[in-house]
Amino acid sequence: MAKVGREVNPYYVVKALQLYIEGVSYREIERLLGVSHVSVMNWVKKYGVKAPRQTEYHPTYKILNQAELTAFFQVPGNLKGAGMMVTELGDKFMVIRWERFKQ
């Protein structure tokens, strides 16, 4: 879990802010990380995080273990026509993908 005593592990604060910047909603962050969406909103305010809001599209994301991540990268179609970021998420990995220049 994300909590250490009454404090939330800083690892989860950073992950939550990364997801927020990528356009993931507060509620989705809550579901993914197991921390309150209200906490995420408070961190965004506390650290003055500003993220451009995308109205044309939302990023898609997948949670994969190491074997699934390896298989994902072996499919050429998963790598073309999109920006992508991979970040560690506990013992798994999150692949955040967004199509370039989508309108």
N, C-alpha and C. Protein backbone atom coordinates (compact mmCIF):
# COMPACT_ATOMS: atom_id res chain seq x y z
N MET A 1 0.84 -1.20 0.00
CA MET A 1 0.00 0.00 0.00
C MET A 1 0.87 1.24 0.00
N ALA A 2 0.28 2.36 -0.30
CA ALA A 2 1.00 3.61 -0.48
C ALA A 2 1.35 4.29 0.84
N LYS A 3 0.70 3.90 1.94
CA LYS A 3 0.91 4.64 3.19
C LYS A 3 2.07 4.07 4.01
N VAL A 4 2.80 4.97 4.64
CA VAL A 4 3.84 4.62 5.59
C VAL A 4 3.45 5.35 6.86
N GLY A 5 2.85 4.64 7.81
CA GLY A 5 2.29 5.31 8.99
C GLY A 5 1.15 6.21 8.52
N ARG A 6 1.20 7.48 8.90
CA ARG A 6 0.18 8.43 8.46
C ARG A 6 0.60 9.14 7.18
N GLU A 7 1.84 8.98 6.78
CA GLU A 7 2.36 9.65 5.59
C GLU A 7 2.24 8.74 4.37
N VAL A 8 2.04 9.35 3.22
CA VAL A 8 2.04 8.59 1.97
C VAL A 8 3.47 8.56 1.47
N ASN A 9 3.90 7.40 1.04
CA ASN A 9 5.25 7.24 0.51
C ASN A 9 5.46 8.22 -0.64
N PRO A 10 6.56 8.98 -0.62
CA PRO A 10 6.83 9.97 -1.68
C PRO A 10 6.83 9.37 -3.09
N TYR A 11 7.17 8.10 -3.21
CA TYR A 11 7.13 7.40 -4.49
C TYR A 11 5.76 7.54 -5.14
N TYR A 12 4.70 7.37 -4.34
CA TYR A 12 3.33 7.45 -4.87
C TYR A 12 2.92 8.88 -5.17
N VAL A 13 3.46 9.84 -4.43
CA VAL A 13 3.18 11.24 -4.73
C VAL A 13 3.74 11.58 -6.11
N VAL A 14 4.99 11.18 -6.37
CA VAL A 14 5.62 11.44 -7.66
C VAL A 14 4.85 10.74 -8.78
N LYS A 15 4.48 9.47 -8.58
CA LYS A 15 3.74 8.73 -9.62
C LYS A 15 2.39 9.40 -9.89
N ALA A 16 1.70 9.82 -8.84
CA ALA A 16 0.41 10.48 -9.01
C ALA A 16 0.57 11.76 -9.83
N LEU A 17 1.60 12.55 -9.53
CA LEU A 17 1.81 13.80 -10.26
C LEU A 17 2.20 13.53 -11.71
N GLN A 18 3.00 12.49 -11.95
CA GLN A 18 3.34 12.12 -13.33
C GLN A 18 2.07 11.76 -14.11
N LEU A 19 1.21 10.97 -13.50
CA LEU A 19 -0.02 10.57 -14.17
C LEU A 19 -0.92 11.77 -14.44
N TYR A 20 -1.00 12.68 -13.47
CA TYR A 20 -1.79 13.89 -13.64
C TYR A 20 -1.29 14.70 -14.83
N ILE A 21 0.03 14.86 -14.92
CA ILE A 21 0.61 15.62 -16.04
C ILE A 21 0.31 14.94 -17.37
N GLU A 22 0.24 13.62 -17.37
CA GLU A 22 -0.05 12.88 -18.61
C GLU A 22 -1.53 12.93 -18.97
N GLY A 23 -2.35 13.50 -18.12
CA GLY A 23 -3.77 13.64 -18.45
C GLY A 23 -4.69 12.62 -17.82
N VAL A 24 -4.18 11.79 -16.93
CA VAL A 24 -5.01 10.79 -16.26
C VAL A 24 -5.84 11.52 -15.19
N SER A 25 -7.11 11.18 -15.10
CA SER A 25 -8.01 11.87 -14.16
C SER A 25 -7.69 11.53 -12.71
N TYR A 26 -8.14 12.39 -11.80
CA TYR A 26 -7.93 12.16 -10.37
C TYR A 26 -8.50 10.81 -9.94
N ARG A 27 -9.69 10.49 -10.40
CA ARG A 27 -10.34 9.23 -10.02
C ARG A 27 -9.59 8.02 -10.58
N GLU A 28 -9.08 8.14 -11.80
CA GLU A 28 -8.29 7.04 -12.37
C GLU A 28 -7.00 6.86 -11.59
N ILE A 29 -6.37 7.96 -11.19
CA ILE A 29 -5.14 7.88 -10.39
C ILE A 29 -5.44 7.18 -9.06
N GLU A 30 -6.57 7.52 -8.46
CA GLU A 30 -6.98 6.89 -7.21
C GLU A 30 -7.09 5.37 -7.40
N ARG A 31 -7.72 4.97 -8.47
CA ARG A 31 -7.92 3.55 -8.75
C ARG A 31 -6.59 2.84 -9.02
N LEU A 32 -5.70 3.49 -9.76
CA LEU A 32 -4.43 2.88 -10.12
C LEU A 32 -3.46 2.77 -8.95
N LEU A 33 -3.38 3.81 -8.14
CA LEU A 33 -2.36 3.87 -7.09
C LEU A 33 -2.89 3.53 -5.70
N GLY A 34 -4.21 3.57 -5.52
CA GLY A 34 -4.77 3.28 -4.21
C GLY A 34 -4.63 4.44 -3.23
N VAL A 35 -4.50 5.66 -3.76
CA VAL A 35 -4.48 6.85 -2.90
C VAL A 35 -5.70 7.70 -3.25
N SER A 36 -6.20 8.40 -2.28
CA SER A 36 -7.41 9.20 -2.46
C SER A 36 -7.24 10.25 -3.56
N HIS A 37 -8.30 10.41 -4.36
CA HIS A 37 -8.26 11.45 -5.40
C HIS A 37 -8.16 12.84 -4.75
N VAL A 38 -8.67 12.98 -3.54
CA VAL A 38 -8.57 14.25 -2.82
C VAL A 38 -7.10 14.52 -2.46
N SER A 39 -6.38 13.49 -2.07
CA SER A 39 -4.95 13.64 -1.80
C SER A 39 -4.22 14.09 -3.05
N VAL A 40 -4.56 13.49 -4.18
CA VAL A 40 -3.91 13.86 -5.44
C VAL A 40 -4.19 15.32 -5.76
N MET A 41 -5.43 15.75 -5.60
CA MET A 41 -5.78 17.16 -5.84
C MET A 41 -4.96 18.07 -4.92
N ASN A 42 -4.82 17.67 -3.66
CA ASN A 42 -4.05 18.47 -2.70
C ASN A 42 -2.57 18.55 -3.10
N TRP A 43 -2.00 17.44 -3.60
CA TRP A 43 -0.60 17.46 -4.03
C TRP A 43 -0.41 18.36 -5.24
N VAL A 44 -1.37 18.32 -6.15
CA VAL A 44 -1.28 19.18 -7.34
C VAL A 44 -1.23 20.64 -6.89
N LYS A 45 -2.08 21.01 -5.93
CA LYS A 45 -2.07 22.38 -5.41
C LYS A 45 -0.80 22.67 -4.63
N LYS A 46 -0.42 21.76 -3.74
CA LYS A 46 0.74 21.96 -2.87
C LYS A 46 2.02 22.18 -3.67
N TYR A 47 2.20 21.40 -4.74
CA TYR A 47 3.44 21.49 -5.52
C TYR A 47 3.30 22.38 -6.74
N GLY A 48 2.16 23.01 -6.90
CA GLY A 48 1.96 23.95 -8.00
C GLY A 48 2.09 23.32 -9.37
N VAL A 49 1.63 22.08 -9.50
CA VAL A 49 1.76 21.37 -10.77
C VAL A 49 0.75 21.91 -11.76
N LYS A 50 1.25 22.32 -12.91
CA LYS A 50 0.39 22.81 -13.99
C LYS A 50 0.53 21.84 -15.15
N ALA A 51 -0.59 21.39 -15.67
CA ALA A 51 -0.56 20.46 -16.80
C ALA A 51 -1.50 20.98 -17.87
N PRO A 52 -1.05 20.97 -19.12
CA PRO A 52 -1.97 21.37 -20.19
C PRO A 52 -3.09 20.35 -20.30
N ARG A 53 -4.30 20.81 -20.34
CA ARG A 53 -5.44 19.90 -20.46
C ARG A 53 -5.68 19.62 -21.93
N GLN A 54 -5.74 18.36 -22.26
CA GLN A 54 -6.00 17.95 -23.63
C GLN A 54 -7.49 17.72 -23.79
N THR A 55 -8.11 18.38 -24.74
CA THR A 55 -9.53 18.17 -24.96
C THR A 55 -9.79 17.28 -26.17
N GLU A 56 -8.80 17.16 -27.08
CA GLU A 56 -9.01 16.36 -28.28
C GLU A 56 -8.87 14.87 -28.01
N TYR A 57 -8.08 14.50 -27.04
CA TYR A 57 -7.87 13.09 -26.77
C TYR A 57 -7.38 12.91 -25.34
N HIS A 58 -7.45 11.68 -24.89
CA HIS A 58 -6.91 11.31 -23.59
C HIS A 58 -5.90 10.20 -23.82
N PRO A 59 -4.84 10.17 -23.04
CA PRO A 59 -3.88 9.09 -23.21
C PRO A 59 -4.52 7.76 -22.80
N THR A 60 -4.03 6.69 -23.39
CA THR A 60 -4.45 5.36 -22.96
C THR A 60 -3.31 4.77 -22.15
N TYR A 61 -3.61 3.87 -21.28
CA TYR A 61 -2.56 3.26 -20.48
C TYR A 61 -2.88 1.80 -20.24
N LYS A 62 -1.82 1.04 -20.05
CA LYS A 62 -1.92 -0.38 -19.73
C LYS A 62 -1.01 -0.64 -18.55
N ILE A 63 -1.44 -1.56 -17.68
CA ILE A 63 -0.61 -2.02 -16.57
C ILE A 63 -0.13 -3.42 -16.95
N LEU A 64 1.19 -3.60 -17.04
CA LEU A 64 1.75 -4.86 -17.52
C LEU A 64 2.85 -5.36 -16.59
N ASN A 65 2.97 -6.69 -16.50
CA ASN A 65 4.13 -7.23 -15.79
C ASN A 65 5.30 -7.26 -16.77
N GLN A 66 6.47 -7.70 -16.33
CA GLN A 66 7.65 -7.63 -17.18
C GLN A 66 7.50 -8.46 -18.46
N ALA A 67 6.95 -9.65 -18.36
CA ALA A 67 6.78 -10.50 -19.54
C ALA A 67 5.79 -9.87 -20.53
N GLU A 68 4.70 -9.29 -20.02
CA GLU A 68 3.72 -8.63 -20.88
C GLU A 68 4.32 -7.39 -21.55
N LEU A 69 5.16 -6.66 -20.80
CA LEU A 69 5.82 -5.48 -21.36
C LEU A 69 6.75 -5.88 -22.50
N THR A 70 7.49 -6.95 -22.30
CA THR A 70 8.39 -7.45 -23.35
C THR A 70 7.60 -7.82 -24.59
N ALA A 71 6.49 -8.53 -24.41
CA ALA A 71 5.65 -8.94 -25.55
C ALA A 71 5.05 -7.71 -26.23
N PHE A 72 4.63 -6.70 -25.46
CA PHE A 72 4.06 -5.48 -26.01
C PHE A 72 5.03 -4.80 -26.97
N PHE A 73 6.31 -4.72 -26.57
CA PHE A 73 7.31 -4.06 -27.40
C PHE A 73 7.72 -4.88 -28.62
N GLN A 74 7.38 -6.15 -28.66
CA GLN A 74 7.71 -6.97 -29.82
C GLN A 74 6.70 -6.84 -30.95
N VAL A 75 5.59 -6.14 -30.70
CA VAL A 75 4.56 -5.93 -31.73
C VAL A 75 4.81 -4.57 -32.37
N PRO A 76 5.26 -4.54 -33.65
CA PRO A 76 5.59 -3.26 -34.29
C PRO A 76 4.45 -2.24 -34.27
N GLY A 77 3.21 -2.69 -34.39
CA GLY A 77 2.07 -1.77 -34.39
C GLY A 77 1.90 -1.01 -33.09
N ASN A 78 2.42 -1.54 -31.99
CA ASN A 78 2.32 -0.84 -30.71
C ASN A 78 3.29 0.34 -30.62
N LEU A 79 4.27 0.38 -31.52
CA LEU A 79 5.32 1.39 -31.44
C LEU A 79 5.18 2.51 -32.45
N LYS A 80 4.31 2.34 -33.44
CA LYS A 80 4.20 3.33 -34.53
C LYS A 80 3.08 4.33 -34.27
N GLY A 81 3.33 5.57 -34.67
CA GLY A 81 2.28 6.59 -34.68
C GLY A 81 1.84 7.09 -33.32
N ALA A 82 2.67 6.91 -32.30
CA ALA A 82 2.25 7.36 -30.97
C ALA A 82 3.46 7.71 -30.13
N GLY A 83 3.25 8.64 -29.22
CA GLY A 83 4.23 8.88 -28.17
C GLY A 83 3.96 7.89 -27.06
N MET A 84 4.99 7.57 -26.30
CA MET A 84 4.82 6.55 -25.28
C MET A 84 5.77 6.81 -24.13
N MET A 85 5.31 6.47 -22.94
CA MET A 85 6.15 6.55 -21.76
C MET A 85 5.92 5.30 -20.94
N VAL A 86 6.98 4.73 -20.41
CA VAL A 86 6.87 3.56 -19.53
C VAL A 86 7.40 3.98 -18.18
N THR A 87 6.63 3.70 -17.14
CA THR A 87 7.06 4.02 -15.79
C THR A 87 6.78 2.83 -14.88
N GLU A 88 7.65 2.65 -13.91
CA GLU A 88 7.47 1.58 -12.94
C GLU A 88 6.28 1.91 -12.07
N LEU A 89 5.52 0.89 -11.72
CA LEU A 89 4.36 1.07 -10.85
C LEU A 89 4.34 -0.12 -9.89
N GLY A 90 5.04 0.04 -8.78
CA GLY A 90 5.18 -1.08 -7.85
C GLY A 90 5.97 -2.19 -8.51
N ASP A 91 5.38 -3.40 -8.56
CA ASP A 91 6.07 -4.54 -9.18
C ASP A 91 5.66 -4.72 -10.64
N LYS A 92 4.93 -3.76 -11.19
CA LYS A 92 4.51 -3.82 -12.59
C LYS A 92 4.98 -2.56 -13.31
N PHE A 93 4.54 -2.41 -14.54
CA PHE A 93 4.90 -1.26 -15.35
C PHE A 93 3.65 -0.66 -15.97
N MET A 94 3.63 0.66 -16.09
CA MET A 94 2.53 1.33 -16.76
C MET A 94 3.06 1.88 -18.08
N VAL A 95 2.35 1.56 -19.16
CA VAL A 95 2.67 2.12 -20.47
C VAL A 95 1.60 3.16 -20.76
N ILE A 96 2.02 4.41 -20.88
CA ILE A 96 1.10 5.50 -21.23
C ILE A 96 1.37 5.82 -22.69
N ARG A 97 0.31 5.82 -23.49
CA ARG A 97 0.47 6.00 -24.94
C ARG A 97 -0.52 7.06 -25.42
N TRP A 98 -0.06 7.92 -26.31
CA TRP A 98 -0.97 8.89 -26.91
C TRP A 98 -0.60 9.05 -28.37
N GLU A 99 -1.63 9.17 -29.20
CA GLU A 99 -1.40 9.32 -30.63
C GLU A 99 -0.94 10.73 -30.92
N ARG A 100 0.06 10.83 -31.78
CA ARG A 100 0.58 12.15 -32.16
C ARG A 100 -0.37 12.86 -33.12
N PHE A 101 -0.50 14.13 -32.90
CA PHE A 101 -1.24 15.02 -33.80
C PHE A 101 -2.68 14.58 -34.02
N LYS A 102 -3.27 13.89 -33.06
CA LYS A 102 -4.67 13.47 -33.20
C LYS A 102 -5.57 14.68 -33.08
N GLN A 103 -6.56 14.75 -33.98
CA GLN A 103 -7.49 15.89 -33.92
C GLN A 103 -8.91 15.46 -33.91
